[in-house]
Amino acid sequence: MIRQLRNRIESILKNYRPVMNGEIYLSGEDVCKLLHISKRTLQQYRDDNILPYIQIGGKIIYKETDIMTILEQNYSSIKV
């Protein structure tokens, strides 16, 4: 019973995404997984001002809505 509860808490914490003012913020690792890119590519996107980000101390986070907006703006429909 306690082991199941501990596993459940660990699962929740692992998948927890902080929400501030209704906005979900993602870590660099989350963005890499979402976009299927490497950490180096993510760094290049920051350097090239492709992805907006927030830096607090040494921590960099990304607004989920900013990521979705960039994806929508760059969406290209391929016609076959």
PDB file of N, CA and C in Angstrom:
ATOM      1  N   MET A   1       0.823  -1.193   0.000  1.00  0.00           N
ATOM      2  CA  MET A   1       0.000   0.000   0.000  1.00  0.00           C
ATOM      3  C   MET A   1       0.864   1.251   0.000  1.00  0.00           C
ATOM      4  N   ILE A   2       1.818   1.343   0.928  1.00  0.00           N
ATOM      5  CA  ILE A   2       2.690   2.515   1.011  1.00  0.00           C
ATOM      6  C   ILE A   2       3.586   2.595  -0.218  1.00  0.00           C
ATOM      7  N   ARG A   3       4.035   1.457  -0.682  1.00  0.00           N
ATOM      8  CA  ARG A   3       4.886   1.432  -1.881  1.00  0.00           C
ATOM      9  C   ARG A   3       4.112   1.936  -3.100  1.00  0.00           C
ATOM     10  N   GLN A   4       2.845   1.558  -3.230  1.00  0.00           N
ATOM     11  CA  GLN A   4       2.013   2.028  -4.336  1.00  0.00           C
ATOM     12  C   GLN A   4       1.807   3.538  -4.247  1.00  0.00           C
ATOM     13  N   LEU A   5       1.569   4.024  -3.051  1.00  0.00           N
ATOM     14  CA  LEU A   5       1.381   5.452  -2.846  1.00  0.00           C
ATOM     15  C   LEU A   5       2.663   6.211  -3.200  1.00  0.00           C
ATOM     16  N   ARG A   6       3.788   5.694  -2.769  1.00  0.00           N
ATOM     17  CA  ARG A   6       5.070   6.322  -3.078  1.00  0.00           C
ATOM     18  C   ARG A   6       5.319   6.350  -4.581  1.00  0.00           C
ATOM     19  N   ASN A   7       5.033   5.253  -5.261  1.00  0.00           N
ATOM     20  CA  ASN A   7       5.188   5.200  -6.713  1.00  0.00           C
ATOM     21  C   ASN A   7       4.277   6.198  -7.410  1.00  0.00           C
ATOM     22  N   ARG A   8       3.064   6.331  -6.908  1.00  0.00           N
ATOM     23  CA  ARG A   8       2.104   7.279  -7.497  1.00  0.00           C
ATOM     24  C   ARG A   8       2.584   8.714  -7.307  1.00  0.00           C
ATOM     25  N   ILE A   9       3.081   9.041  -6.133  1.00  0.00           N
ATOM     26  CA  ILE A   9       3.590  10.390  -5.856  1.00  0.00           C
ATOM     27  C   ILE A   9       4.793  10.685  -6.752  1.00  0.00           C
ATOM     28  N   GLU A  10       5.694   9.729  -6.895  1.00  0.00           N
ATOM     29  CA  GLU A  10       6.857   9.908  -7.763  1.00  0.00           C
ATOM     30  C   GLU A  10       6.427  10.137  -9.205  1.00  0.00           C
ATOM     31  N   SER A  11       5.413   9.428  -9.657  1.00  0.00           N
ATOM     32  CA  SER A  11       4.899   9.595 -11.016  1.00  0.00           C
ATOM     33  C   SER A  11       4.311  10.988 -11.212  1.00  0.00           C
ATOM     34  N   ILE A  12       3.549  11.445 -10.237  1.00  0.00           N
ATOM     35  CA  ILE A  12       2.946  12.782 -10.320  1.00  0.00           C
ATOM     36  C   ILE A  12       4.031  13.847 -10.366  1.00  0.00           C
ATOM     37  N   LEU A  13       5.018  13.739  -9.500  1.00  0.00           N
ATOM     38  CA  LEU A  13       6.092  14.734  -9.459  1.00  0.00           C
ATOM     39  C   LEU A  13       6.917  14.727 -10.745  1.00  0.00           C
ATOM     40  N   LYS A  14       7.118  13.558 -11.316  1.00  0.00           N
ATOM     41  CA  LYS A  14       7.892  13.447 -12.550  1.00  0.00           C
ATOM     42  C   LYS A  14       7.181  14.160 -13.704  1.00  0.00           C
ATOM     43  N   ASN A  15       5.864  14.102 -13.739  1.00  0.00           N
ATOM     44  CA  ASN A  15       5.088  14.687 -14.833  1.00  0.00           C
ATOM     45  C   ASN A  15       4.492  16.041 -14.499  1.00  0.00           C
ATOM     46  N   TYR A  16       4.840  16.601 -13.347  1.00  0.00           N
ATOM     47  CA  TYR A  16       4.283  17.875 -12.915  1.00  0.00           C
ATOM     48  C   TYR A  16       4.814  19.021 -13.764  1.00  0.00           C
ATOM     49  N   ARG A  17       3.934  19.895 -14.205  1.00  0.00           N
ATOM     50  CA  ARG A  17       4.297  21.089 -14.953  1.00  0.00           C
ATOM     51  C   ARG A  17       3.749  22.287 -14.199  1.00  0.00           C
ATOM     52  N   PRO A  18       4.636  23.202 -13.767  1.00  0.00           N
ATOM     53  CA  PRO A  18       4.154  24.352 -12.998  1.00  0.00           C
ATOM     54  C   PRO A  18       3.235  25.244 -13.810  1.00  0.00           C
ATOM     55  N   VAL A  19       2.186  25.748 -13.168  1.00  0.00           N
ATOM     56  CA  VAL A  19       1.232  26.649 -13.800  1.00  0.00           C
ATOM     57  C   VAL A  19       1.267  27.963 -13.039  1.00  0.00           C
ATOM     58  N   MET A  20       1.492  29.051 -13.774  1.00  0.00           N
ATOM     59  CA  MET A  20       1.459  30.381 -13.178  1.00  0.00           C
ATOM     60  C   MET A  20       0.562  31.248 -14.043  1.00  0.00           C
ATOM     61  N   ASN A  21      -0.423  31.850 -13.427  1.00  0.00           N
ATOM     62  CA  ASN A  21      -1.401  32.676 -14.152  1.00  0.00           C
ATOM     63  C   ASN A  21      -2.024  31.925 -15.320  1.00  0.00           C
ATOM     64  N   GLY A  22      -2.276  30.651 -15.134  1.00  0.00           N
ATOM     65  CA  GLY A  22      -2.921  29.846 -16.162  1.00  0.00           C
ATOM     66  C   GLY A  22      -1.986  29.390 -17.272  1.00  0.00           C
ATOM     67  N   GLU A  23      -0.721  29.732 -17.184  1.00  0.00           N
ATOM     68  CA  GLU A  23       0.256  29.380 -18.214  1.00  0.00           C
ATOM     69  C   GLU A  23       1.105  28.201 -17.740  1.00  0.00           C
ATOM     70  N   ILE A  24       1.315  27.239 -18.624  1.00  0.00           N
ATOM     71  CA  ILE A  24       2.156  26.089 -18.312  1.00  0.00           C
ATOM     72  C   ILE A  24       3.566  26.381 -18.827  1.00  0.00           C
ATOM     73  N   TYR A  25       4.555  26.136 -17.978  1.00  0.00           N
ATOM     74  CA  TYR A  25       5.954  26.352 -18.333  1.00  0.00           C
ATOM     75  C   TYR A  25       6.660  25.012 -18.457  1.00  0.00           C
ATOM     76  N   LEU A  26       7.502  24.910 -19.464  1.00  0.00           N
ATOM     77  CA  LEU A  26       8.210  23.664 -19.751  1.00  0.00           C
ATOM     78  C   LEU A  26       9.708  23.838 -19.549  1.00  0.00           C
ATOM     79  N   SER A  27      10.348  22.780 -19.120  1.00  0.00           N
ATOM     80  CA  SER A  27      11.805  22.781 -19.003  1.00  0.00           C
ATOM     81  C   SER A  27      12.404  22.548 -20.387  1.00  0.00           C
ATOM     82  N   GLY A  28      13.710  22.743 -20.499  1.00  0.00           N
ATOM     83  CA  GLY A  28      14.397  22.467 -21.754  1.00  0.00           C
ATOM     84  C   GLY A  28      14.254  21.002 -22.158  1.00  0.00           C
ATOM     85  N   GLU A  29      14.318  20.125 -21.169  1.00  0.00           N
ATOM     86  CA  GLU A  29      14.155  18.689 -21.438  1.00  0.00           C
ATOM     87  C   GLU A  29      12.771  18.400 -22.017  1.00  0.00           C
ATOM     88  N   ASP A  30      11.749  19.053 -21.447  1.00  0.00           N
ATOM     89  CA  ASP A  30      10.386  18.869 -21.952  1.00  0.00           C
ATOM     90  C   ASP A  30      10.272  19.332 -23.405  1.00  0.00           C
ATOM     91  N   VAL A  31      10.874  20.487 -23.708  1.00  0.00           N
ATOM     92  CA  VAL A  31      10.807  21.039 -25.067  1.00  0.00           C
ATOM     93  C   VAL A  31      11.541  20.126 -26.044  1.00  0.00           C
ATOM     94  N   CYS A  32      12.700  19.625 -25.643  1.00  0.00           N
ATOM     95  CA  CYS A  32      13.447  18.700 -26.499  1.00  0.00           C
ATOM     96  C   CYS A  32      12.614  17.462 -26.828  1.00  0.00           C
ATOM     97  N   LYS A  33      11.957  16.912 -25.832  1.00  0.00           N
ATOM     98  CA  LYS A  33      11.116  15.736 -26.059  1.00  0.00           C
ATOM     99  C   LYS A  33       9.926  16.087 -26.956  1.00  0.00           C
ATOM    100  N   LEU A  34       9.316  17.232 -26.699  1.00  0.00           N
ATOM    101  CA  LEU A  34       8.144  17.650 -27.472  1.00  0.00           C
ATOM    102  C   LEU A  34       8.474  17.848 -28.949  1.00  0.00           C
ATOM    103  N   LEU A  35       9.611  18.485 -29.212  1.00  0.00           N
ATOM    104  CA  LEU A  35       9.988  18.809 -30.585  1.00  0.00           C
ATOM    105  C   LEU A  35      10.918  17.775 -31.220  1.00  0.00           C
ATOM    106  N   HIS A  36      11.321  16.758 -30.442  1.00  0.00           N
ATOM    107  CA  HIS A  36      12.240  15.728 -30.928  1.00  0.00           C
ATOM    108  C   HIS A  36      13.537  16.362 -31.432  1.00  0.00           C
ATOM    109  N   ILE A  37      14.130  17.198 -30.579  1.00  0.00           N
ATOM    110  CA  ILE A  37      15.386  17.857 -30.914  1.00  0.00           C
ATOM    111  C   ILE A  37      16.387  17.621 -29.782  1.00  0.00           C
ATOM    112  N   SER A  38      17.650  17.895 -30.069  1.00  0.00           N
ATOM    113  CA  SER A  38      18.698  17.744 -29.062  1.00  0.00           C
ATOM    114  C   SER A  38      18.798  19.021 -28.220  1.00  0.00           C
ATOM    115  N   LYS A  39      19.515  18.919 -27.112  1.00  0.00           N
ATOM    116  CA  LYS A  39      19.753  20.091 -26.266  1.00  0.00           C
ATOM    117  C   LYS A  39      20.537  21.146 -27.033  1.00  0.00           C
ATOM    118  N   ARG A  40      21.448  20.713 -27.873  1.00  0.00           N
ATOM    119  CA  ARG A  40      22.249  21.647 -28.668  1.00  0.00           C
ATOM    120  C   ARG A  40      21.374  22.401 -29.667  1.00  0.00           C
ATOM    121  N   THR A  41      20.437  21.709 -30.299  1.00  0.00           N
ATOM    122  CA  THR A  41      19.523  22.360 -31.232  1.00  0.00           C
ATOM    123  C   THR A  41      18.653  23.368 -30.496  1.00  0.00           C
ATOM    124  N   LEU A  42      18.196  23.012 -29.317  1.00  0.00           N
ATOM    125  CA  LEU A  42      17.401  23.931 -28.510  1.00  0.00           C
ATOM    126  C   LEU A  42      18.218  25.178 -28.180  1.00  0.00           C
ATOM    127  N   GLN A  43      19.484  24.992 -27.834  1.00  0.00           N
ATOM    128  CA  GLN A  43      20.374  26.126 -27.571  1.00  0.00           C
ATOM    129  C   GLN A  43      20.502  27.013 -28.810  1.00  0.00           C
ATOM    130  N   GLN A  44      20.618  26.402 -29.976  1.00  0.00           N
ATOM    131  CA  GLN A  44      20.726  27.161 -31.227  1.00  0.00           C
ATOM    132  C   GLN A  44      19.440  27.939 -31.499  1.00  0.00           C
ATOM    133  N   TYR A  45      18.293  27.341 -31.221  1.00  0.00           N
ATOM    134  CA  TYR A  45      17.015  28.044 -31.396  1.00  0.00           C
ATOM    135  C   TYR A  45      16.946  29.267 -30.481  1.00  0.00           C
ATOM    136  N   ARG A  46      17.478  29.145 -29.269  1.00  0.00           N
ATOM    137  CA  ARG A  46      17.521  30.303 -28.360  1.00  0.00           C
ATOM    138  C   ARG A  46      18.464  31.363 -28.913  1.00  0.00           C
ATOM    139  N   ASP A  47      19.654  30.940 -29.323  1.00  0.00           N
ATOM    140  CA  ASP A  47      20.656  31.868 -29.857  1.00  0.00           C
ATOM    141  C   ASP A  47      20.142  32.611 -31.091  1.00  0.00           C
ATOM    142  N   ASP A  48      19.377  31.928 -31.931  1.00  0.00           N
ATOM    143  CA  ASP A  48      18.844  32.514 -33.169  1.00  0.00           C
ATOM    144  C   ASP A  48      17.500  33.217 -32.956  1.00  0.00           C
ATOM    145  N   ASN A  49      17.073  33.326 -31.696  1.00  0.00           N
ATOM    146  CA  ASN A  49      15.795  33.965 -31.353  1.00  0.00           C
ATOM    147  C   ASN A  49      14.607  33.305 -32.045  1.00  0.00           C
ATOM    148  N   ILE A  50      14.677  32.004 -32.216  1.00  0.00           N
ATOM    149  CA  ILE A  50      13.564  31.254 -32.799  1.00  0.00           C
ATOM    150  C   ILE A  50      12.537  30.936 -31.720  1.00  0.00           C
ATOM    151  N   LEU A  51      13.018  30.540 -30.547  1.00  0.00           N
ATOM    152  CA  LEU A  51      12.126  30.209 -29.433  1.00  0.00           C
ATOM    153  C   LEU A  51      12.304  31.213 -28.303  1.00  0.00           C
ATOM    154  N   PRO A  52      11.208  31.856 -27.892  1.00  0.00           N
ATOM    155  CA  PRO A  52      11.304  32.730 -26.720  1.00  0.00           C
ATOM    156  C   PRO A  52      11.456  31.904 -25.451  1.00  0.00           C
ATOM    157  N   TYR A  53      12.138  32.469 -24.469  1.00  0.00           N
ATOM    158  CA  TYR A  53      12.367  31.756 -23.216  1.00  0.00           C
ATOM    159  C   TYR A  53      12.476  32.748 -22.076  1.00  0.00           C
ATOM    160  N   ILE A  54      12.401  32.214 -20.874  1.00  0.00           N
ATOM    161  CA  ILE A  54      12.541  33.006 -19.658  1.00  0.00           C
ATOM    162  C   ILE A  54      13.706  32.400 -18.881  1.00  0.00           C
ATOM    163  N   GLN A  55      14.624  33.256 -18.439  1.00  0.00           N
ATOM    164  CA  GLN A  55      15.734  32.768 -17.637  1.00  0.00           C
ATOM    165  C   GLN A  55      15.631  33.372 -16.250  1.00  0.00           C
ATOM    166  N   ILE A  56      15.555  32.490 -15.274  1.00  0.00           N
ATOM    167  CA  ILE A  56      15.495  32.898 -13.871  1.00  0.00           C
ATOM    168  C   ILE A  56      16.699  32.257 -13.190  1.00  0.00           C
ATOM    169  N   GLY A  57      17.655  33.089 -12.841  1.00  0.00           N
ATOM    170  CA  GLY A  57      18.899  32.539 -12.317  1.00  0.00           C
ATOM    171  C   GLY A  57      19.547  31.712 -13.408  1.00  0.00           C
ATOM    172  N   GLY A  58      19.895  30.489 -13.125  1.00  0.00           N
ATOM    173  CA  GLY A  58      20.477  29.607 -14.122  1.00  0.00           C
ATOM    174  C   GLY A  58      19.462  28.708 -14.799  1.00  0.00           C
ATOM    175  N   LYS A  59      18.186  28.861 -14.462  1.00  0.00           N
ATOM    176  CA  LYS A  59      17.126  27.988 -14.988  1.00  0.00           C
ATOM    177  C   LYS A  59      16.437  28.659 -16.174  1.00  0.00           C
ATOM    178  N   ILE A  60      16.284  27.925 -17.272  1.00  0.00           N
ATOM    179  CA  ILE A  60      15.589  28.422 -18.456  1.00  0.00           C
ATOM    180  C   ILE A  60      14.297  27.633 -18.604  1.00  0.00           C
ATOM    181  N   ILE A  61      13.202  28.367 -18.778  1.00  0.00           N
ATOM    182  CA  ILE A  61      11.897  27.740 -18.982  1.00  0.00           C
ATOM    183  C   ILE A  61      11.231  28.356 -20.208  1.00  0.00           C
ATOM    184  N   TYR A  62      10.250  27.649 -20.730  1.00  0.00           N
ATOM    185  CA  TYR A  62       9.568  28.047 -21.957  1.00  0.00           C
ATOM    186  C   TYR A  62       8.062  27.998 -21.728  1.00  0.00           C
ATOM    187  N   LYS A  63       7.343  29.013 -22.221  1.00  0.00           N
ATOM    188  CA  LYS A  63       5.887  28.989 -22.149  1.00  0.00           C
ATOM    189  C   LYS A  63       5.369  27.994 -23.180  1.00  0.00           C
ATOM    190  N   GLU A  64       4.479  27.141 -22.743  1.00  0.00           N
ATOM    191  CA  GLU A  64       3.894  26.162 -23.655  1.00  0.00           C
ATOM    192  C   GLU A  64       3.184  26.858 -24.811  1.00  0.00           C
ATOM    193  N   THR A  65       2.490  27.957 -24.525  1.00  0.00           N
ATOM    194  CA  THR A  65       1.762  28.675 -25.593  1.00  0.00           C
ATOM    195  C   THR A  65       2.724  29.274 -26.615  1.00  0.00           C
ATOM    196  N   ASP A  66       3.916  29.714 -26.178  1.00  0.00           N
ATOM    197  CA  ASP A  66       4.907  30.235 -27.127  1.00  0.00           C
ATOM    198  C   ASP A  66       5.370  29.145 -28.074  1.00  0.00           C
ATOM    199  N   ILE A  67       5.586  27.961 -27.545  1.00  0.00           N
ATOM    200  CA  ILE A  67       6.017  26.828 -28.376  1.00  0.00           C
ATOM    201  C   ILE A  67       4.936  26.503 -29.400  1.00  0.00           C
ATOM    202  N   MET A  68       3.694  26.442 -28.955  1.00  0.00           N
ATOM    203  CA  MET A  68       2.586  26.120 -29.853  1.00  0.00           C
ATOM    204  C   MET A  68       2.413  27.203 -30.919  1.00  0.00           C
ATOM    205  N   THR A  69       2.583  28.460 -30.549  1.00  0.00           N
ATOM    206  CA  THR A  69       2.463  29.562 -31.505  1.00  0.00           C
ATOM    207  C   THR A  69       3.529  29.453 -32.590  1.00  0.00           C
ATOM    208  N   ILE A  70       4.762  29.180 -32.199  1.00  0.00           N
ATOM    209  CA  ILE A  70       5.851  29.027 -33.172  1.00  0.00           C
ATOM    210  C   ILE A  70       5.556  27.876 -34.124  1.00  0.00           C
ATOM    211  N   LEU A  71       5.062  26.768 -33.589  1.00  0.00           N
ATOM    212  CA  LEU A  71       4.725  25.621 -34.439  1.00  0.00           C
ATOM    213  C   LEU A  71       3.615  25.977 -35.425  1.00  0.00           C
ATOM    214  N   GLU A  72       2.597  26.678 -34.955  1.00  0.00           N
ATOM    215  CA  GLU A  72       1.481  27.056 -35.835  1.00  0.00           C
ATOM    216  C   GLU A  72       1.935  28.042 -36.909  1.00  0.00           C
ATOM    217  N   GLN A  73       2.791  29.003 -36.548  1.00  0.00           N
ATOM    218  CA  GLN A  73       3.266  30.002 -37.510  1.00  0.00           C
ATOM    219  C   GLN A  73       4.130  29.370 -38.601  1.00  0.00           C
ATOM    220  N   ASN A  74       4.777  28.282 -38.270  1.00  0.00           N
ATOM    221  CA  ASN A  74       5.688  27.649 -39.224  1.00  0.00           C
ATOM    222  C   ASN A  74       5.118  26.383 -39.852  1.00  0.00           C
ATOM    223  N   TYR A  75       3.836  26.150 -39.639  1.00  0.00           N
ATOM    224  CA  TYR A  75       3.191  24.971 -40.194  1.00  0.00           C
ATOM    225  C   TYR A  75       3.093  25.108 -41.719  1.00  0.00           C
ATOM    226  N   SER A  76       3.461  24.072 -42.398  1.00  0.00           N
ATOM    227  CA  SER A  76       3.389  24.061 -43.851  1.00  0.00           C
ATOM    228  C   SER A  76       2.648  22.799 -44.284  1.00  0.00           C
ATOM    229  N   SER A  77       1.554  22.989 -44.965  1.00  0.00           N
ATOM    230  CA  SER A  77       0.781  21.852 -45.442  1.00  0.00           C
ATOM    231  C   SER A  77       1.370  21.367 -46.768  1.00  0.00           C
ATOM    232  N   ILE A  78       1.684  20.102 -46.816  1.00  0.00           N
ATOM    233  CA  ILE A  78       2.242  19.517 -48.031  1.00  0.00           C
ATOM    234  C   ILE A  78       1.100  18.932 -48.852  1.00  0.00           C
ATOM    235  N   LYS A  79       1.004  19.404 -50.082  1.00  0.00           N
ATOM    236  CA  LYS A  79      -0.055  18.901 -50.969  1.00  0.00           C
ATOM    237  C   LYS A  79       0.535  17.853 -51.891  1.00  0.00           C
ATOM    238  N   VAL A  80      -0.122  16.712 -51.925  1.00  0.00           N
ATOM    239  CA  VAL A  80       0.375  15.603 -52.741  1.00  0.00           C
ATOM    240  C   VAL A  80      -0.437  15.504 -53.993  1.00  0.00           C
TER     241      VAL A  80
END
